Amino acid sequence: MDHTVSQHHTKHSNKFVFDTVISTVLIQLFGLVLPLSVLVVYDKIIPNNAVESLIALTVIVLIAVAVECFLRYIQEAGVAYYTSRNDYFFKNLFLGALTTNFRHISSENVRAAKQILSSDISSSISLPVRKIIAYAEFPFLILFLILVAYIASWVVLAPLITILAYFTILNFALSLQADAKESNGSQQEGSDIIVQEALGCVETIKACGSEQQLSSEYARLSRPALKTRHIFDMVSVDVITLTNVFSQLIIIATVSAGAAAYFGDHISIGSIAAVTIISGRMIPLAQRVALTFQSRDGLSAVQSKFDQLLSPSSEIPEDFTLDEDITISIAGLNYPDHESSEDIELKKGDILVISGANNAGKSKLLSSLAGLCEHDQAVISYSGIDVRKIANRDLTPYISLCPQQPKLVKGSFLDNITLHNKSRESSAYDVSHEIGLTKDLAKFPKSFDEYLDNVDYGVFHQGMRQKIAIARCLCSNTPVLLFDEINSDMDPVSNNLFLEAIKRRQKDHIIILVSQQSQFINLGTKYLCV
């Protein structure tokens, strides 16, 4: 499956488009009630019956404003729903794509991942709806100018000149904001944590063979909204806000002064007020239209980064699948005590024990076997196929990895073991009993159903985390099981239970252990010292 940008374009129904256009038109039409009412009341009615006219004007204006606010609320609620739904959809697909193209995440494009995963795409996701609104509002800019020209001939030049000046200031503010975001991106160390969190989520999904269980991982990913604001970013936002205010003040001053000077007593107060109100409404319309079409560049940039990040390798065979009788070959590794390297061949029933000094590359080799990264020396093959040519989505169902620092997800203990895969629940209970985890969970009020809201390191003992990761790995029942010093913090009783669980599964699996403990080293049928 090719996870490209074209698959991430979200669609909206014709009814949704129709509702958005109608609500936009009604908002602007009700907005016209205010200036037209002012014009009619001041010019036609007030001289005859001032008090009743002002009361009628107040009632009309209040009703028009209330209806406009209600319609705008309905419209914004629709945009918010559309954006949040498609943001969730987009990022779940993104995480799914990461599990199939994990090796494409590198230090060079980690910044692109950061920008996508730290919720910077919300404005781009809402762009299709904003464009619909902008297209619907654009004719009203023309209508407002016509009304101004009809009411007070030359005064139409005032809003035209002001809007032109407004666009100049707005473009400056937008460029300032873009520069600030660029500068902020290089200094925003907190966002790097989001990337690491995301990659950890993906590692958990892939290692446990649960590519489809993305919802819980996305919920965990979206939790730490680590965003710092650069001083120039805040200034640029204020510039845009102040631009709105001062532009409308300039319109009021220009129209009022110009009309008073040119017409003298020949233009009514109602006409001046109506022209001023209509001209003032042009500013937010012009801003929404401008920002919508300016944001096209942002959407294109996000899509370009998405393409670059997740474009599949041309070397990956299409529709490749592994057989159940999987074999593993490890070649090209140089041993410390040997001048030449030896190849290692593994099949069902083999237990490979990897040992060596700290920072010797044991975890790197295990991650390479899981397809999470490429090894500097070793050439790893599955059933004769180079692992670098196997898509991660094809490798995932056959491999389970217990990393050295296992991660927990928000949810119950059972959710953490099964990753919301209902078909694994029965096996989860059996495996938990087998390795002594059931007895540990009995200490909690709801046992397996106890909800974990805080899954940070330090909340649970590392040994407990390791048991959960082991249960997660064993209940997946994949042909290849990888354990990276997963029992380093477990007590002797739990170690023995884990050892027996490995023995019971030996004949049906290829098991690779990183361990320095003698009882596990003695369990191996083959050995590798790195």
Protein backbone atom coordinates (compact mmCIF):
# COMPACT_ATOMS: atom_id res chain seq x y z
CA MET A 1 0.00 0.00 0.00
CA ASP A 2 1.46 3.33 -1.07
CA HIS A 3 0.85 5.93 1.64
CA THR A 4 1.12 9.07 -0.45
CA VAL A 5 -0.44 12.47 -0.10
CA SER A 6 -3.25 11.67 -2.53
CA GLN A 7 -4.63 9.17 -0.04
CA HIS A 8 -4.71 11.79 2.69
CA HIS A 9 -6.92 14.30 0.90
CA THR A 10 -10.08 14.30 2.96
CA LYS A 11 -13.42 14.64 1.23
CA HIS A 12 -16.57 16.46 2.23
CA SER A 13 -20.12 15.73 1.08
CA ASN A 14 -22.13 17.93 -1.27
CA LYS A 15 -24.58 18.58 1.57
CA PHE A 16 -21.75 19.85 3.77
CA VAL A 17 -20.59 22.19 0.99
CA PHE A 18 -24.16 23.41 0.42
CA ASP A 19 -24.72 24.03 4.14
CA THR A 20 -21.43 25.93 4.42
CA VAL A 21 -22.20 28.16 1.44
CA ILE A 22 -25.76 28.88 2.61
CA SER A 23 -24.63 29.73 6.16
CA THR A 24 -21.92 32.05 4.78
CA VAL A 25 -24.39 33.87 2.52
CA LEU A 26 -26.92 34.25 5.33
CA ILE A 27 -24.25 35.60 7.69
CA GLN A 28 -23.33 38.35 5.22
CA LEU A 29 -26.94 39.14 4.35
CA PHE A 30 -27.89 39.56 8.00
CA GLY A 31 -24.76 41.67 8.38
CA LEU A 32 -26.21 44.09 5.81
CA VAL A 33 -29.28 44.66 7.97
CA LEU A 34 -27.30 46.93 10.30
CA PRO A 35 -25.99 49.52 7.78
CA LEU A 36 -29.16 49.51 5.69
CA SER A 37 -31.33 49.96 8.79
CA VAL A 38 -29.16 52.85 9.93
CA LEU A 39 -29.42 54.44 6.48
CA VAL A 40 -33.21 54.10 6.22
CA VAL A 41 -33.97 55.11 9.81
CA TYR A 42 -31.69 58.15 9.89
CA ASP A 43 -32.62 59.44 6.44
CA LYS A 44 -36.33 58.59 6.20
CA ILE A 45 -37.87 58.09 9.64
CA ILE A 46 -35.98 59.85 12.43
CA PRO A 47 -36.93 63.40 11.38
CA ASN A 48 -40.62 62.48 11.75
CA ASN A 49 -40.64 60.23 14.82
CA ALA A 50 -37.27 60.11 16.56
CA VAL A 51 -37.99 58.02 19.67
CA GLU A 52 -40.02 55.26 18.00
CA SER A 53 -37.51 55.12 15.14
CA LEU A 54 -34.54 54.65 17.46
CA ILE A 55 -36.38 51.88 19.34
CA ALA A 56 -37.24 50.13 16.07
CA LEU A 57 -33.65 50.51 14.87
CA THR A 58 -32.31 49.03 18.11
CA VAL A 59 -34.64 46.02 17.90
CA ILE A 60 -33.80 45.37 14.24
CA VAL A 61 -30.06 45.64 14.87
CA LEU A 62 -30.15 43.37 17.94
CA ILE A 63 -32.10 40.70 16.04
CA ALA A 64 -29.77 40.91 13.04
CA VAL A 65 -26.64 40.69 15.20
CA ALA A 66 -28.06 37.77 17.22
CA VAL A 67 -28.97 35.82 14.08
CA GLU A 68 -25.57 36.54 12.51
CA CYS A 69 -23.75 35.38 15.66
CA PHE A 70 -25.83 32.20 15.80
CA LEU A 71 -25.13 31.41 12.14
CA ARG A 72 -21.42 32.09 12.63
CA TYR A 73 -21.41 29.78 15.65
CA ILE A 74 -23.06 27.02 13.59
CA GLN A 75 -20.55 27.56 10.80
CA GLU A 76 -17.52 27.50 13.11
CA ALA A 77 -18.87 24.38 14.85
CA GLY A 78 -19.02 22.67 11.45
CA VAL A 79 -15.47 23.76 10.61
CA ALA A 80 -14.22 22.58 14.03
CA TYR A 81 -15.89 19.19 13.59
CA TYR A 82 -14.51 18.83 10.08
CA THR A 83 -11.00 19.81 11.20
CA SER A 84 -10.83 17.63 14.31
CA ARG A 85 -12.26 14.59 12.54
CA ASN A 86 -9.90 14.86 9.61
CA ASP A 87 -6.92 15.76 11.81
CA TYR A 88 -7.51 12.51 13.71
CA PHE A 89 -8.00 10.61 10.45
CA PHE A 90 -4.89 12.15 8.89
CA LYS A 91 -2.61 11.40 11.82
CA ASN A 92 -3.84 7.85 12.24
CA LEU A 93 -3.03 7.25 8.58
CA PHE A 94 0.30 8.95 9.14
CA LEU A 95 1.14 6.59 12.00
CA GLY A 96 -0.05 3.68 9.87
CA ALA A 97 2.26 4.85 7.11
CA LEU A 98 5.14 5.10 9.56
CA THR A 99 4.71 1.43 10.45
CA THR A 100 5.08 0.53 6.78
CA ASN A 101 7.94 2.92 6.03
CA PHE A 102 9.73 3.17 9.37
CA ARG A 103 13.19 3.02 7.87
CA HIS A 104 12.47 6.28 6.02
CA ILE A 105 12.55 8.21 9.31
CA SER A 106 16.08 9.57 9.55
CA SER A 107 17.91 12.44 11.22
CA GLU A 108 17.61 14.43 7.98
CA ASN A 109 13.82 14.41 7.86
CA VAL A 110 12.99 14.21 11.56
CA ARG A 111 12.06 17.89 11.45
CA ALA A 112 9.42 17.13 8.84
CA ALA A 113 8.02 14.47 11.14
CA LYS A 114 8.01 16.97 14.01
CA GLN A 115 6.02 19.51 12.03
CA ILE A 116 3.39 16.96 11.07
CA LEU A 117 3.13 15.22 14.43
CA SER A 118 3.02 18.35 16.61
CA SER A 119 -0.38 19.41 15.28
CA ASP A 120 0.92 22.09 12.92
CA ILE A 121 -1.38 20.86 10.14
CA SER A 122 -4.74 21.89 11.60
CA SER A 123 -4.98 25.03 9.48
CA SER A 124 -4.09 23.03 6.38
CA ILE A 125 -6.72 20.41 7.16
CA SER A 126 -9.43 23.07 7.52
CA LEU A 127 -8.30 24.77 4.30
CA PRO A 128 -10.89 23.07 2.01
CA VAL A 129 -13.71 24.41 4.19
CA ARG A 130 -12.07 27.83 4.53
CA LYS A 131 -11.78 28.00 0.75
CA ILE A 132 -15.50 27.29 0.38
CA ILE A 133 -16.26 30.12 2.80
CA ALA A 134 -13.80 32.44 1.04
CA TYR A 135 -15.35 31.76 -2.38
CA ALA A 136 -18.82 32.43 -0.93
CA GLU A 137 -17.70 35.67 0.75
CA PHE A 138 -15.75 37.13 -2.15
CA PRO A 139 -18.86 38.32 -4.08
CA PHE A 140 -19.92 40.26 -0.99
CA LEU A 141 -16.75 42.36 -1.22
CA ILE A 142 -17.95 43.46 -4.66
CA LEU A 143 -21.51 43.99 -3.39
CA PHE A 144 -20.30 46.15 -0.50
CA LEU A 145 -18.25 48.33 -2.83
CA ILE A 146 -21.27 48.79 -5.10
CA LEU A 147 -23.43 49.78 -2.13
CA VAL A 148 -20.84 52.30 -0.95
CA ALA A 149 -20.62 53.76 -4.46
CA TYR A 150 -24.41 53.97 -4.68
CA ILE A 151 -24.78 55.65 -1.30
CA ALA A 152 -21.89 58.12 -1.57
CA SER A 153 -20.24 58.12 -5.00
CA TRP A 154 -16.55 59.08 -4.49
CA VAL A 155 -16.35 57.69 -0.96
CA VAL A 156 -15.88 54.25 -2.52
CA LEU A 157 -12.23 55.23 -3.04
CA ALA A 158 -11.64 55.39 0.71
CA PRO A 159 -12.26 51.69 1.46
CA LEU A 160 -10.46 50.69 -1.74
CA ILE A 161 -7.33 52.60 -0.74
CA THR A 162 -7.58 51.38 2.83
CA ILE A 163 -7.99 47.73 1.82
CA LEU A 164 -4.97 48.06 -0.48
CA ALA A 165 -2.95 49.44 2.44
CA TYR A 166 -4.36 46.70 4.65
CA PHE A 167 -3.15 43.98 2.29
CA THR A 168 0.33 45.51 2.29
CA ILE A 169 0.48 45.52 6.09
CA LEU A 170 -1.07 42.04 6.27
CA ASN A 171 1.51 40.58 3.89
CA PHE A 172 4.26 42.08 6.05
CA ALA A 173 2.67 40.57 9.17
CA LEU A 174 2.34 37.16 7.50
CA SER A 175 5.98 37.16 6.37
CA LEU A 176 7.04 38.18 9.89
CA GLN A 177 4.98 35.37 11.35
CA ALA A 178 6.44 32.84 8.89
CA ASP A 179 9.99 33.92 9.77
CA ALA A 180 9.18 33.65 13.47
CA LYS A 181 7.80 30.14 13.06
CA GLU A 182 10.91 29.13 11.13
CA SER A 183 13.12 30.52 13.88
CA ASN A 184 10.93 29.00 16.56
CA GLY A 185 11.09 25.60 14.91
CA SER A 186 14.88 25.44 15.27
CA GLN A 187 14.75 26.46 18.94
CA GLN A 188 11.74 24.44 20.03
CA GLU A 189 13.42 21.57 21.83
CA GLY A 190 10.12 20.52 23.39
CA SER A 191 8.81 19.46 19.99
CA ASP A 192 11.67 17.00 19.67
CA ILE A 193 10.15 15.16 22.62
CA ILE A 194 6.95 14.80 20.61
CA VAL A 195 8.93 13.19 17.80
CA GLN A 196 10.57 10.73 20.18
CA GLU A 197 7.18 9.99 21.72
CA ALA A 198 5.73 9.36 18.28
CA LEU A 199 8.57 7.11 17.20
CA GLY A 200 8.21 5.20 20.47
CA CYS A 201 4.51 4.70 19.74
CA VAL A 202 5.29 3.43 16.27
CA GLU A 203 7.99 1.13 17.65
CA THR A 204 5.45 -0.33 20.09
CA ILE A 205 2.88 -0.87 17.34
CA LYS A 206 5.33 -2.47 14.97
CA ALA A 207 7.13 -4.57 17.56
CA CYS A 208 3.88 -6.07 18.79
CA GLY A 209 2.45 -6.82 15.36
CA SER A 210 -0.54 -4.53 15.95
CA GLU A 211 -0.36 -2.11 13.07
CA GLN A 212 -4.13 -1.69 13.06
CA GLN A 213 -4.28 -0.58 16.71
CA LEU A 214 -3.54 3.09 16.11
CA SER A 215 -6.25 4.88 18.04
CA SER A 216 -4.80 4.37 21.50
CA GLU A 217 -1.33 5.28 20.28
CA TYR A 218 -2.59 8.47 18.66
CA ALA A 219 -4.34 9.44 21.90
CA ARG A 220 -1.03 9.00 23.71
CA LEU A 221 0.82 10.93 21.03
CA SER A 222 -1.51 13.92 21.16
CA ARG A 223 -1.33 14.20 24.96
CA PRO A 224 1.96 16.12 25.36
CA ALA A 225 1.20 19.38 23.52
CA LEU A 226 4.70 20.75 24.04
CA LYS A 227 4.71 24.13 22.36
CA THR A 228 6.77 27.17 23.24
CA ARG A 229 6.12 30.59 21.74
CA HIS A 230 8.87 32.68 20.25
CA ILE A 231 8.70 36.41 21.06
CA PHE A 232 8.50 37.34 17.36
CA ASP A 233 5.71 34.80 16.87
CA MET A 234 3.63 36.59 19.51
CA VAL A 235 4.48 40.01 18.06
CA SER A 236 3.40 38.94 14.57
CA VAL A 237 0.06 37.67 15.87
CA ASP A 238 -0.49 41.03 17.58
CA VAL A 239 0.44 42.83 14.36
CA ILE A 240 -2.34 41.02 12.50
CA THR A 241 -4.85 41.85 15.24
CA LEU A 242 -3.81 45.49 15.40
CA THR A 243 -3.95 45.67 11.61
CA ASN A 244 -7.64 44.83 11.77
CA VAL A 245 -8.39 47.47 14.39
CA PHE A 246 -6.38 50.29 12.83
CA SER A 247 -7.65 49.53 9.33
CA GLN A 248 -11.23 49.95 10.48
CA LEU A 249 -10.34 53.14 12.39
CA ILE A 250 -8.66 54.50 9.26
CA ILE A 251 -11.79 53.74 7.25
CA ILE A 252 -14.01 55.53 9.76
CA ALA A 253 -11.73 58.58 9.88
CA THR A 254 -11.25 58.70 6.11
CA VAL A 255 -14.91 58.29 5.23
CA SER A 256 -16.19 60.70 7.89
CA ALA A 257 -13.62 63.44 7.25
CA GLY A 258 -13.78 63.09 3.49
CA ALA A 259 -17.56 63.13 3.38
CA ALA A 260 -17.83 66.08 5.75
CA ALA A 261 -15.25 68.11 3.84
CA TYR A 262 -16.57 67.33 0.36
CA PHE A 263 -20.30 67.28 0.85
CA GLY A 264 -20.67 69.66 3.74
CA ASP A 265 -24.35 69.67 4.60
CA HIS A 266 -25.37 67.72 1.47
CA ILE A 267 -24.78 64.22 2.89
CA SER A 268 -26.78 62.76 5.74
CA ILE A 269 -25.51 61.25 8.97
CA GLY A 270 -27.24 58.00 7.98
CA SER A 271 -25.28 57.80 4.73
CA ILE A 272 -21.96 58.39 6.46
CA ALA A 273 -22.79 55.79 9.14
CA ALA A 274 -23.94 53.21 6.57
CA VAL A 275 -20.84 53.68 4.41
CA THR A 276 -18.58 53.40 7.45
CA ILE A 277 -20.24 50.19 8.70
CA ILE A 278 -20.19 48.56 5.26
CA SER A 279 -16.55 49.53 4.73
CA GLY A 280 -15.67 48.13 8.15
CA ARG A 281 -17.20 44.77 7.22
CA MET A 282 -14.86 44.55 4.25
CA ILE A 283 -11.80 44.17 6.48
CA PRO A 284 -12.59 40.76 8.05
CA LEU A 285 -13.86 39.54 4.68
CA ALA A 286 -10.66 40.63 2.98
CA GLN A 287 -8.58 39.06 5.74
CA ARG A 288 -10.32 35.67 5.55
CA VAL A 289 -10.02 35.57 1.77
CA ALA A 290 -6.35 36.62 1.90
CA LEU A 291 -5.36 34.20 4.66
CA THR A 292 -7.15 31.31 2.95
CA PHE A 293 -5.31 31.73 -0.31
CA GLN A 294 -2.04 32.51 1.49
CA SER A 295 -2.34 29.20 3.36
CA ARG A 296 -2.21 27.21 0.12
CA ASP A 297 1.58 27.42 0.32
CA GLY A 298 1.48 25.95 3.81
CA LEU A 299 -0.67 23.03 2.67
CA SER A 300 1.65 22.36 -0.27
CA ALA A 301 4.65 22.38 2.07
CA VAL A 302 3.00 19.87 4.42
CA GLN A 303 2.08 17.61 1.52
CA SER A 304 5.59 17.85 0.10
CA LYS A 305 7.13 16.88 3.45
CA PHE A 306 4.65 14.05 3.79
CA ASP A 307 5.61 12.74 0.34
CA GLN A 308 9.32 13.00 1.10
CA LEU A 309 8.95 11.34 4.47
CA LEU A 310 6.83 8.39 3.45
CA SER A 311 7.60 7.71 -0.20
CA PRO A 312 8.07 3.93 -0.47
CA SER A 313 11.36 2.52 -1.66
CA SER A 314 11.38 1.25 -5.23
CA GLU A 315 13.34 -1.77 -4.01
CA ILE A 316 10.47 -3.07 -1.86
CA PRO A 317 8.67 -5.91 -3.68
CA GLU A 318 4.93 -5.46 -4.06
CA ASP A 319 2.60 -7.85 -2.21
CA PHE A 320 5.53 -9.70 -0.62
CA THR A 321 4.65 -12.16 2.15
CA LEU A 322 6.75 -14.50 4.30
CA ASP A 323 6.04 -18.17 4.89
CA GLU A 324 5.25 -19.56 8.33
CA ASP A 325 8.47 -21.63 8.20
CA ILE A 326 10.56 -18.51 8.34
CA THR A 327 14.37 -18.60 8.44
CA ILE A 328 16.79 -15.85 9.43
CA SER A 329 20.31 -15.27 8.16
CA ILE A 330 22.78 -12.85 9.77
CA ALA A 331 25.96 -12.27 7.75
CA GLY A 332 28.82 -9.79 7.73
CA LEU A 333 29.26 -9.29 11.47
CA ASN A 334 32.85 -9.06 12.71
CA TYR A 335 33.48 -10.80 16.03
CA PRO A 336 35.97 -9.30 18.50
CA ASP A 337 38.04 -12.49 18.76
CA HIS A 338 37.88 -13.61 15.12
CA GLU A 339 39.62 -12.24 12.07
CA SER A 340 36.73 -13.20 9.77
CA SER A 341 33.00 -13.14 10.25
CA GLU A 342 30.72 -16.15 10.46
CA ASP A 343 27.19 -16.38 9.15
CA ILE A 344 24.38 -17.34 11.49
CA GLU A 345 21.40 -19.32 10.21
CA LEU A 346 18.29 -19.60 12.36
CA LYS A 347 15.15 -21.71 11.98
CA LYS A 348 12.26 -22.76 14.20
CA GLY A 349 13.51 -24.25 17.45
CA ASP A 350 16.65 -22.10 17.56
CA ILE A 351 17.40 -19.75 20.44
CA LEU A 352 20.12 -17.20 19.68
CA VAL A 353 21.65 -15.53 22.74
CA ILE A 354 23.45 -12.24 22.09
CA SER A 355 25.87 -10.91 24.68
CA GLY A 356 28.66 -8.37 24.83
CA ALA A 357 29.92 -5.20 26.46
CA ASN A 358 27.80 -2.09 26.99
CA ASN A 359 27.32 0.05 23.86
CA ALA A 360 28.65 -2.77 21.70
CA GLY A 361 25.59 -2.69 19.44
CA LYS A 362 23.38 -5.46 20.85
CA SER A 363 20.21 -3.36 20.84
CA LYS A 364 21.08 -1.96 17.40
CA LEU A 365 21.32 -5.50 16.02
CA LEU A 366 17.99 -6.45 17.56
CA SER A 367 16.33 -3.32 16.15
CA SER A 368 17.78 -4.17 12.75
CA LEU A 369 16.34 -7.68 13.01
CA ALA A 370 12.95 -6.08 13.74
CA GLY A 371 13.30 -3.86 10.67
CA LEU A 372 13.38 -0.66 12.71
CA CYS A 373 16.71 0.48 11.29
CA GLU A 374 19.57 -0.61 9.03
CA HIS A 375 22.67 -2.19 10.55
CA ASP A 376 26.08 -0.77 9.74
CA GLN A 377 27.70 -4.18 9.10
CA ALA A 378 25.25 -7.05 9.24
CA VAL A 379 23.28 -8.22 6.23
CA ILE A 380 20.03 -9.65 7.59
CA SER A 381 17.76 -11.86 5.50
CA TYR A 382 14.38 -13.44 6.13
CA SER A 383 13.79 -16.60 4.10
CA GLY A 384 16.50 -15.47 1.69
CA ILE A 385 15.15 -11.91 1.23
CA ASP A 386 17.20 -8.93 2.42
CA VAL A 387 15.27 -7.29 5.28
CA ARG A 388 15.88 -3.89 3.67
CA LYS A 389 13.75 -5.00 0.73
CA ILE A 390 10.84 -6.14 2.89
CA ALA A 391 8.20 -3.54 3.69
CA ASN A 392 7.66 -3.14 7.41
CA ARG A 393 3.97 -3.93 6.97
CA ASP A 394 4.97 -7.37 5.63
CA LEU A 395 7.49 -7.97 8.41
CA THR A 396 5.27 -6.83 11.29
CA PRO A 397 2.96 -9.89 11.51
CA TYR A 398 5.97 -12.20 11.94
CA ILE A 399 8.02 -10.37 14.58
CA SER A 400 7.45 -9.23 18.16
CA LEU A 401 10.08 -7.14 19.92
CA CYS A 402 10.39 -6.46 23.65
CA PRO A 403 12.57 -3.33 23.82
CA GLN A 404 14.86 -2.62 26.74
CA GLN A 405 12.71 0.33 27.84
CA PRO A 406 9.13 -0.85 27.17
CA LYS A 407 6.41 1.74 26.76
CA LEU A 408 2.92 1.79 28.20
CA VAL A 409 -0.12 3.39 26.59
CA LYS A 410 -3.10 5.13 28.13
CA GLY A 411 -5.77 2.56 28.89
CA SER A 412 -6.26 -0.47 31.10
CA PHE A 413 -3.61 -3.08 31.85
CA LEU A 414 -5.48 -5.40 29.48
CA ASP A 415 -5.37 -2.74 26.76
CA ASN A 416 -1.62 -2.47 27.25
CA ILE A 417 -1.19 -6.20 26.77
CA THR A 418 -3.55 -6.64 23.80
CA LEU A 419 -3.25 -3.12 22.34
CA HIS A 420 -7.05 -3.23 21.95
CA ASN A 421 -6.92 -6.41 19.86
CA LYS A 422 -9.98 -8.35 21.10
CA SER A 423 -8.71 -11.62 19.60
CA ARG A 424 -5.76 -11.58 22.03
CA GLU A 425 -7.72 -11.16 25.26
CA SER A 426 -7.98 -14.87 26.09
CA SER A 427 -4.29 -15.38 25.36
CA ALA A 428 -3.45 -12.28 27.42
CA TYR A 429 -5.01 -13.77 30.55
CA ASP A 430 -3.23 -17.11 30.01
CA VAL A 431 0.18 -15.55 29.36
CA SER A 432 -0.18 -13.16 32.32
CA HIS A 433 -0.87 -16.11 34.62
CA GLU A 434 2.06 -17.99 33.10
CA ILE A 435 4.65 -15.29 33.86
CA GLY A 436 3.21 -14.21 37.23
CA LEU A 437 1.73 -10.91 36.03
CA THR A 438 -1.79 -11.84 37.18
CA LYS A 439 -0.63 -11.91 40.80
CA ASP A 440 0.92 -8.45 40.41
CA LEU A 441 -2.22 -6.97 38.86
CA ALA A 442 -4.37 -8.42 41.65
CA LYS A 443 -2.90 -5.72 43.90
CA PHE A 444 -4.85 -3.09 41.94
CA PRO A 445 -8.57 -2.55 42.69
CA LYS A 446 -9.72 -3.42 39.17
CA SER A 447 -6.90 -5.82 38.27
CA PHE A 448 -6.67 -6.10 34.46
CA ASP A 449 -9.29 -3.36 34.03
CA GLU A 450 -7.39 -0.77 36.08
CA TYR A 451 -7.10 2.36 33.91
CA LEU A 452 -3.65 3.90 33.48
CA ASP A 453 -3.87 7.65 33.02
CA ASN A 454 -0.24 8.45 33.83
CA VAL A 455 2.13 6.13 31.95
CA ASP A 456 5.33 8.14 32.47
CA TYR A 457 8.50 6.41 33.59
CA GLY A 458 8.77 6.32 37.36
CA VAL A 459 5.06 5.73 37.95
CA PHE A 460 5.43 1.95 37.62
CA HIS A 461 8.42 -0.17 38.56
CA GLN A 462 10.54 -1.13 35.57
CA GLY A 463 10.05 -4.81 36.40
CA MET A 464 6.27 -4.36 36.08
CA ARG A 465 6.72 -2.64 32.72
CA GLN A 466 8.93 -5.50 31.55
CA LYS A 467 6.35 -8.12 32.54
CA ILE A 468 3.63 -6.26 30.63
CA ALA A 469 5.91 -6.03 27.58
CA ILE A 470 6.68 -9.77 27.79
CA ALA A 471 2.97 -10.60 28.02
CA ARG A 472 2.29 -8.28 25.08
CA CYS A 473 4.98 -10.04 23.05
CA LEU A 474 4.05 -13.62 23.94
CA CYS A 475 0.30 -13.24 23.38
CA SER A 476 0.98 -11.95 19.85
CA ASN A 477 2.32 -15.46 19.07
CA THR A 478 4.46 -14.35 16.12
CA PRO A 479 7.03 -16.79 14.63
CA VAL A 480 9.98 -14.58 15.69
CA LEU A 481 10.34 -13.33 19.27
CA LEU A 482 13.00 -10.72 20.14
CA PHE A 483 13.88 -9.84 23.75
CA ASP A 484 16.32 -7.01 24.52
CA GLU A 485 17.49 -7.60 28.13
CA ILE A 486 13.81 -7.50 28.98
CA ASN A 487 14.23 -9.21 32.34
CA SER A 488 17.02 -7.01 33.72
CA ASP A 489 14.82 -5.56 36.50
CA MET A 490 12.69 -8.60 37.28
CA ASP A 491 12.92 -10.55 40.53
CA PRO A 492 14.33 -14.15 40.56
CA VAL A 493 10.87 -15.78 40.71
CA SER A 494 9.65 -13.80 37.68
CA ASN A 495 12.90 -14.60 35.87
CA ASN A 496 12.34 -18.32 36.34
CA LEU A 497 8.73 -18.07 35.12
CA PHE A 498 9.91 -16.17 32.04
CA LEU A 499 12.61 -18.79 31.44
CA GLU A 500 10.03 -21.59 31.52
CA ALA A 501 7.76 -19.66 29.16
CA ILE A 502 10.64 -19.40 26.67
CA LYS A 503 11.32 -23.15 26.91
CA ARG A 504 7.67 -23.99 26.19
CA ARG A 505 7.72 -21.91 23.02
CA GLN A 506 11.10 -22.97 21.68
CA LYS A 507 9.96 -25.61 19.19
CA ASP A 508 7.47 -23.32 17.40
CA HIS A 509 9.47 -20.08 17.29
CA ILE A 510 12.78 -18.46 16.49
CA ILE A 511 13.80 -16.75 19.73
CA ILE A 512 16.58 -14.18 19.97
CA LEU A 513 17.64 -12.97 23.41
CA VAL A 514 20.01 -10.22 24.49
CA SER A 515 21.13 -11.26 27.95
CA GLN A 516 24.13 -11.40 30.25
CA GLN A 517 22.51 -13.82 32.72
CA SER A 518 23.93 -17.34 32.84
CA GLN A 519 20.58 -19.13 33.04
CA PHE A 520 19.48 -17.56 29.75
CA ILE A 521 22.88 -18.00 28.12
CA ASN A 522 22.67 -21.72 28.95
CA LEU A 523 19.27 -21.81 27.25
CA GLY A 524 20.70 -20.86 23.85
CA THR A 525 21.31 -23.18 20.94
CA LYS A 526 23.46 -20.56 19.19
CA TYR A 527 25.52 -17.67 20.51
CA LEU A 528 26.76 -14.31 19.32
CA CYS A 529 29.16 -12.00 21.17
CA VAL A 530 29.32 -8.45 19.86
